[in-house]
Amino acid sequence: MSDCIFCKIAMKEIPAKVVYEDEHILAFHDIQPAAPSHVLVIPKEHIPSMAQLEEHHKVLIGHIHLAIQDIAVKLGIHETGYRIVNNCGEQGGQTVHHLHFHLLGGRHMQWPPG
């Protein structure tokens, strides 16, 4: 989508501090971090939200979660723990309508989160 900020980041039209990239996904530091380590992991394919996932996205979602393991190691948060967050829809707190996962670590996480 031409007006999607995450699509523009994936296409390198907007710079980002990339920590991981392959042919399917991109991971980069959040510009407004909510934790010492806060990375956004996005598919390069524009998918508006979790609510728009289709059967053929199963492999992509699994790929994203396996990549998150590698990113957690790279960030040094794999042993102390981390949180993976996906916001879906307005009441779920989604502000960018491109599927993305927040990888948060480097501090104790609170519960309940919202």
N, C-alpha and C. Protein backbone atom coordinates (compact mmCIF):
# COMPACT_ATOMS: atom_id res chain seq x y z
N MET A 1 0.84 -1.19 0.00
CA MET A 1 0.00 0.00 0.00
C MET A 1 0.88 1.24 0.00
N SER A 2 0.58 2.16 -0.84
CA SER A 2 1.42 3.34 -1.03
C SER A 2 1.41 4.28 0.18
N ASP A 3 0.35 4.27 0.99
CA ASP A 3 0.28 5.18 2.14
C ASP A 3 0.61 4.51 3.47
N CYS A 4 1.02 3.27 3.45
CA CYS A 4 1.33 2.52 4.67
C CYS A 4 2.79 2.77 5.08
N ILE A 5 2.97 3.31 6.28
CA ILE A 5 4.32 3.62 6.74
C ILE A 5 5.20 2.37 6.84
N PHE A 6 4.62 1.24 7.27
CA PHE A 6 5.43 0.03 7.39
C PHE A 6 5.79 -0.54 6.02
N CYS A 7 4.91 -0.41 5.04
CA CYS A 7 5.26 -0.81 3.67
C CYS A 7 6.42 0.05 3.16
N LYS A 8 6.38 1.34 3.46
CA LYS A 8 7.44 2.25 3.03
C LYS A 8 8.77 1.88 3.70
N ILE A 9 8.72 1.49 4.97
CA ILE A 9 9.93 1.04 5.65
C ILE A 9 10.43 -0.25 5.01
N ALA A 10 9.53 -1.19 4.74
CA ALA A 10 9.92 -2.46 4.11
C ALA A 10 10.54 -2.25 2.73
N MET A 11 10.07 -1.23 2.01
CA MET A 11 10.58 -0.94 0.67
C MET A 11 11.78 0.01 0.72
N LYS A 12 12.25 0.34 1.92
CA LYS A 12 13.41 1.21 2.13
C LYS A 12 13.18 2.65 1.68
N GLU A 13 11.92 3.06 1.62
CA GLU A 13 11.59 4.45 1.30
C GLU A 13 11.72 5.34 2.53
N ILE A 14 11.57 4.74 3.70
CA ILE A 14 11.74 5.42 4.98
C ILE A 14 12.82 4.65 5.74
N PRO A 15 13.83 5.35 6.26
CA PRO A 15 14.90 4.64 6.98
C PRO A 15 14.42 4.09 8.32
N ALA A 16 15.04 3.01 8.72
CA ALA A 16 14.78 2.39 10.02
C ALA A 16 16.05 1.71 10.48
N LYS A 17 16.17 1.54 11.78
CA LYS A 17 17.32 0.83 12.36
C LYS A 17 17.00 -0.67 12.36
N VAL A 18 17.37 -1.33 11.29
CA VAL A 18 17.02 -2.73 11.05
C VAL A 18 17.90 -3.65 11.90
N VAL A 19 17.25 -4.64 12.53
CA VAL A 19 17.98 -5.65 13.29
C VAL A 19 17.90 -7.03 12.64
N TYR A 20 16.94 -7.20 11.72
CA TYR A 20 16.79 -8.50 11.05
C TYR A 20 16.02 -8.27 9.76
N GLU A 21 16.44 -8.97 8.72
CA GLU A 21 15.69 -8.92 7.46
C GLU A 21 15.95 -10.19 6.68
N ASP A 22 14.89 -10.69 6.07
CA ASP A 22 15.01 -11.76 5.09
C ASP A 22 14.01 -11.47 3.99
N GLU A 23 13.76 -12.41 3.12
CA GLU A 23 12.87 -12.14 1.98
C GLU A 23 11.41 -11.91 2.37
N HIS A 24 11.01 -12.36 3.56
CA HIS A 24 9.61 -12.28 3.98
C HIS A 24 9.30 -11.26 5.06
N ILE A 25 10.29 -10.97 5.90
CA ILE A 25 10.02 -10.11 7.06
C ILE A 25 11.13 -9.09 7.28
N LEU A 26 10.80 -8.09 8.08
CA LEU A 26 11.74 -7.06 8.47
C LEU A 26 11.52 -6.76 9.95
N ALA A 27 12.59 -6.57 10.69
CA ALA A 27 12.51 -6.21 12.11
C ALA A 27 13.37 -4.98 12.34
N PHE A 28 12.80 -4.01 13.04
CA PHE A 28 13.51 -2.75 13.26
C PHE A 28 13.13 -2.16 14.61
N HIS A 29 14.01 -1.32 15.14
CA HIS A 29 13.77 -0.69 16.43
C HIS A 29 12.59 0.28 16.35
N ASP A 30 11.73 0.23 17.36
CA ASP A 30 10.60 1.15 17.46
C ASP A 30 11.13 2.55 17.78
N ILE A 31 10.58 3.58 17.14
CA ILE A 31 11.06 4.94 17.39
C ILE A 31 10.52 5.52 18.70
N GLN A 32 9.52 4.85 19.28
CA GLN A 32 9.00 5.24 20.59
C GLN A 32 9.01 4.01 21.50
N PRO A 33 10.20 3.59 21.93
CA PRO A 33 10.30 2.34 22.68
C PRO A 33 9.57 2.36 24.01
N ALA A 34 8.92 1.23 24.31
CA ALA A 34 8.20 1.05 25.58
C ALA A 34 9.00 0.17 26.54
N ALA A 35 10.21 -0.22 26.12
CA ALA A 35 11.10 -1.04 26.93
C ALA A 35 12.52 -0.80 26.42
N PRO A 36 13.53 -1.17 27.21
CA PRO A 36 14.91 -0.99 26.73
C PRO A 36 15.17 -1.65 25.37
N SER A 37 14.59 -2.81 25.15
CA SER A 37 14.62 -3.45 23.84
C SER A 37 13.19 -3.46 23.32
N HIS A 38 12.96 -2.79 22.19
CA HIS A 38 11.61 -2.74 21.60
C HIS A 38 11.78 -2.74 20.09
N VAL A 39 11.47 -3.88 19.51
CA VAL A 39 11.62 -4.10 18.07
C VAL A 39 10.26 -4.43 17.48
N LEU A 40 9.99 -3.89 16.30
CA LEU A 40 8.79 -4.24 15.55
C LEU A 40 9.16 -5.24 14.48
N VAL A 41 8.37 -6.29 14.38
CA VAL A 41 8.61 -7.34 13.38
C VAL A 41 7.40 -7.34 12.45
N ILE A 42 7.66 -7.11 11.15
CA ILE A 42 6.57 -6.97 10.18
C ILE A 42 6.78 -7.91 9.00
N PRO A 43 5.69 -8.40 8.42
CA PRO A 43 5.83 -9.08 7.13
C PRO A 43 6.02 -8.02 6.05
N LYS A 44 6.76 -8.35 5.01
CA LYS A 44 6.92 -7.41 3.90
C LYS A 44 5.63 -7.32 3.09
N GLU A 45 4.84 -8.36 3.12
CA GLU A 45 3.52 -8.34 2.47
C GLU A 45 2.59 -7.48 3.32
N HIS A 46 1.81 -6.63 2.67
CA HIS A 46 0.87 -5.81 3.42
C HIS A 46 -0.34 -6.65 3.82
N ILE A 47 -0.47 -6.86 5.12
CA ILE A 47 -1.62 -7.53 5.72
C ILE A 47 -2.11 -6.54 6.77
N PRO A 48 -3.33 -6.03 6.68
CA PRO A 48 -3.78 -4.97 7.60
C PRO A 48 -3.75 -5.34 9.09
N SER A 49 -4.10 -6.56 9.44
CA SER A 49 -4.10 -6.96 10.86
C SER A 49 -4.26 -8.46 10.97
N MET A 50 -4.22 -8.95 12.20
CA MET A 50 -4.44 -10.38 12.46
C MET A 50 -5.80 -10.82 11.92
N ALA A 51 -6.77 -9.90 11.93
CA ALA A 51 -8.13 -10.23 11.49
C ALA A 51 -8.20 -10.52 9.99
N GLN A 52 -7.18 -10.13 9.24
CA GLN A 52 -7.17 -10.37 7.80
C GLN A 52 -6.26 -11.53 7.39
N LEU A 53 -5.74 -12.28 8.35
CA LEU A 53 -4.92 -13.43 7.99
C LEU A 53 -5.77 -14.48 7.29
N GLU A 54 -5.14 -15.16 6.36
CA GLU A 54 -5.80 -16.23 5.61
C GLU A 54 -5.01 -17.52 5.80
N GLU A 55 -5.59 -18.60 5.38
CA GLU A 55 -5.00 -19.92 5.55
C GLU A 55 -3.54 -19.97 5.05
N HIS A 56 -3.27 -19.34 3.92
CA HIS A 56 -1.92 -19.41 3.35
C HIS A 56 -0.88 -18.60 4.16
N HIS A 57 -1.31 -17.85 5.16
CA HIS A 57 -0.38 -17.09 5.99
C HIS A 57 0.20 -17.90 7.15
N LYS A 58 -0.25 -19.15 7.32
CA LYS A 58 0.24 -19.97 8.43
C LYS A 58 1.76 -20.05 8.47
N VAL A 59 2.35 -20.31 7.32
CA VAL A 59 3.81 -20.46 7.25
C VAL A 59 4.49 -19.14 7.60
N LEU A 60 3.97 -18.03 7.10
CA LEU A 60 4.54 -16.72 7.39
C LEU A 60 4.51 -16.42 8.88
N ILE A 61 3.39 -16.68 9.53
CA ILE A 61 3.28 -16.40 10.97
C ILE A 61 4.24 -17.28 11.77
N GLY A 62 4.37 -18.52 11.39
CA GLY A 62 5.36 -19.39 12.04
C GLY A 62 6.77 -18.88 11.82
N HIS A 63 7.05 -18.43 10.61
CA HIS A 63 8.37 -17.89 10.26
C HIS A 63 8.68 -16.66 11.12
N ILE A 64 7.71 -15.79 11.29
CA ILE A 64 7.89 -14.59 12.11
C ILE A 64 8.25 -14.98 13.55
N HIS A 65 7.54 -15.93 14.10
CA HIS A 65 7.80 -16.31 15.49
C HIS A 65 9.14 -17.00 15.67
N LEU A 66 9.57 -17.77 14.69
CA LEU A 66 10.90 -18.37 14.77
C LEU A 66 11.98 -17.30 14.62
N ALA A 67 11.74 -16.31 13.78
CA ALA A 67 12.70 -15.21 13.63
C ALA A 67 12.79 -14.41 14.92
N ILE A 68 11.67 -14.25 15.62
CA ILE A 68 11.68 -13.52 16.89
C ILE A 68 12.63 -14.19 17.88
N GLN A 69 12.70 -15.52 17.87
CA GLN A 69 13.67 -16.22 18.74
C GLN A 69 15.09 -15.75 18.43
N ASP A 70 15.43 -15.71 17.14
CA ASP A 70 16.77 -15.28 16.72
C ASP A 70 17.03 -13.82 17.09
N ILE A 71 16.03 -12.98 16.91
CA ILE A 71 16.17 -11.56 17.23
C ILE A 71 16.38 -11.38 18.74
N ALA A 72 15.66 -12.15 19.55
CA ALA A 72 15.82 -12.07 21.00
C ALA A 72 17.25 -12.43 21.41
N VAL A 73 17.82 -13.43 20.74
CA VAL A 73 19.22 -13.78 21.00
C VAL A 73 20.13 -12.61 20.63
N LYS A 74 19.92 -12.06 19.45
CA LYS A 74 20.73 -10.94 18.96
C LYS A 74 20.65 -9.74 19.92
N LEU A 75 19.48 -9.51 20.49
CA LEU A 75 19.29 -8.39 21.42
C LEU A 75 19.76 -8.70 22.84
N GLY A 76 20.07 -9.97 23.12
CA GLY A 76 20.53 -10.37 24.45
C GLY A 76 19.43 -10.47 25.48
N ILE A 77 18.18 -10.69 25.02
CA ILE A 77 17.05 -10.80 25.96
C ILE A 77 16.48 -12.21 26.02
N HIS A 78 17.09 -13.13 25.32
CA HIS A 78 16.55 -14.49 25.22
C HIS A 78 16.59 -15.25 26.54
N GLU A 79 17.54 -14.96 27.39
CA GLU A 79 17.64 -15.71 28.65
C GLU A 79 16.82 -15.06 29.77
N THR A 80 16.72 -13.76 29.77
CA THR A 80 16.01 -13.07 30.86
C THR A 80 14.51 -13.00 30.61
N GLY A 81 14.10 -13.11 29.34
CA GLY A 81 12.69 -13.13 29.00
C GLY A 81 12.27 -11.92 28.18
N TYR A 82 11.17 -12.08 27.50
CA TYR A 82 10.66 -11.02 26.64
C TYR A 82 9.17 -11.23 26.41
N ARG A 83 8.54 -10.21 25.84
CA ARG A 83 7.11 -10.27 25.54
C ARG A 83 6.93 -10.01 24.06
N ILE A 84 5.98 -10.74 23.46
CA ILE A 84 5.58 -10.52 22.07
C ILE A 84 4.14 -10.03 22.11
N VAL A 85 3.88 -8.88 21.48
CA VAL A 85 2.55 -8.27 21.52
C VAL A 85 2.08 -8.01 20.09
N ASN A 86 0.81 -8.31 19.85
CA ASN A 86 0.15 -7.93 18.60
C ASN A 86 -1.13 -7.22 18.97
N ASN A 87 -1.30 -6.00 18.48
CA ASN A 87 -2.52 -5.25 18.70
C ASN A 87 -3.39 -5.40 17.47
N CYS A 88 -4.65 -5.74 17.66
CA CYS A 88 -5.56 -5.97 16.54
C CYS A 88 -6.81 -5.12 16.70
N GLY A 89 -7.00 -4.20 15.76
CA GLY A 89 -8.20 -3.36 15.77
C GLY A 89 -8.11 -2.20 16.74
N GLU A 90 -9.07 -1.31 16.64
CA GLU A 90 -9.08 -0.07 17.42
C GLU A 90 -9.04 -0.34 18.92
N GLN A 91 -9.94 -1.19 19.42
CA GLN A 91 -9.97 -1.45 20.86
C GLN A 91 -8.77 -2.28 21.32
N GLY A 92 -8.12 -2.95 20.39
CA GLY A 92 -6.91 -3.69 20.72
C GLY A 92 -5.67 -2.82 20.74
N GLY A 93 -5.83 -1.55 20.35
CA GLY A 93 -4.71 -0.61 20.39
C GLY A 93 -3.91 -0.52 19.12
N GLN A 94 -4.40 -1.09 18.02
CA GLN A 94 -3.66 -1.04 16.76
C GLN A 94 -3.74 0.37 16.17
N THR A 95 -2.58 0.97 15.91
CA THR A 95 -2.53 2.31 15.34
C THR A 95 -1.99 2.32 13.92
N VAL A 96 -1.18 1.33 13.57
CA VAL A 96 -0.68 1.19 12.20
C VAL A 96 -1.34 -0.05 11.62
N HIS A 97 -2.04 0.12 10.53
CA HIS A 97 -2.81 -0.98 9.95
C HIS A 97 -1.98 -1.78 8.96
N HIS A 98 -0.93 -2.37 9.52
CA HIS A 98 -0.05 -3.33 8.85
C HIS A 98 0.33 -4.29 9.96
N LEU A 99 0.06 -5.56 9.76
CA LEU A 99 0.35 -6.57 10.77
C LEU A 99 1.77 -6.38 11.31
N HIS A 100 1.89 -6.32 12.63
CA HIS A 100 3.21 -6.22 13.24
C HIS A 100 3.18 -6.78 14.65
N PHE A 101 4.34 -7.21 15.07
CA PHE A 101 4.52 -7.76 16.40
C PHE A 101 5.57 -6.92 17.12
N HIS A 102 5.26 -6.57 18.36
CA HIS A 102 6.21 -5.85 19.21
C HIS A 102 7.00 -6.90 19.99
N LEU A 103 8.30 -6.83 19.94
CA LEU A 103 9.18 -7.66 20.76
C LEU A 103 9.77 -6.73 21.81
N LEU A 104 9.38 -6.98 23.06
CA LEU A 104 9.77 -6.11 24.18
C LEU A 104 10.59 -6.88 25.20
N GLY A 105 11.66 -6.28 25.66
CA GLY A 105 12.48 -6.94 26.67
C GLY A 105 13.40 -5.95 27.35
N GLY A 106 14.20 -6.47 28.26
CA GLY A 106 15.17 -5.63 28.96
C GLY A 106 14.65 -5.06 30.26
N ARG A 107 13.44 -5.43 30.65
CA ARG A 107 12.87 -5.01 31.94
C ARG A 107 11.77 -6.00 32.32
N HIS A 108 11.34 -5.94 33.57
CA HIS A 108 10.23 -6.78 34.01
C HIS A 108 8.93 -6.25 33.39
N MET A 109 8.13 -7.13 32.85
CA MET A 109 6.85 -6.78 32.27
C MET A 109 5.77 -6.91 33.34
N GLN A 110 4.81 -6.05 33.29
CA GLN A 110 3.71 -6.06 34.25
C GLN A 110 2.51 -6.85 33.71
N TRP A 111 1.65 -7.29 34.61
CA TRP A 111 0.42 -7.97 34.23
C TRP A 111 -0.69 -7.50 35.14
N PRO A 112 -1.83 -7.17 34.67
CA PRO A 112 -2.23 -7.21 33.27
C PRO A 112 -1.57 -6.09 32.46
N PRO A 113 -1.40 -6.33 31.15
CA PRO A 113 -0.65 -5.40 30.33
C PRO A 113 -1.38 -4.11 29.97
N GLY A 114 -2.71 -4.10 29.89
CA GLY A 114 -3.40 -2.94 29.37
C GLY A 114 -3.95 -2.07 30.43
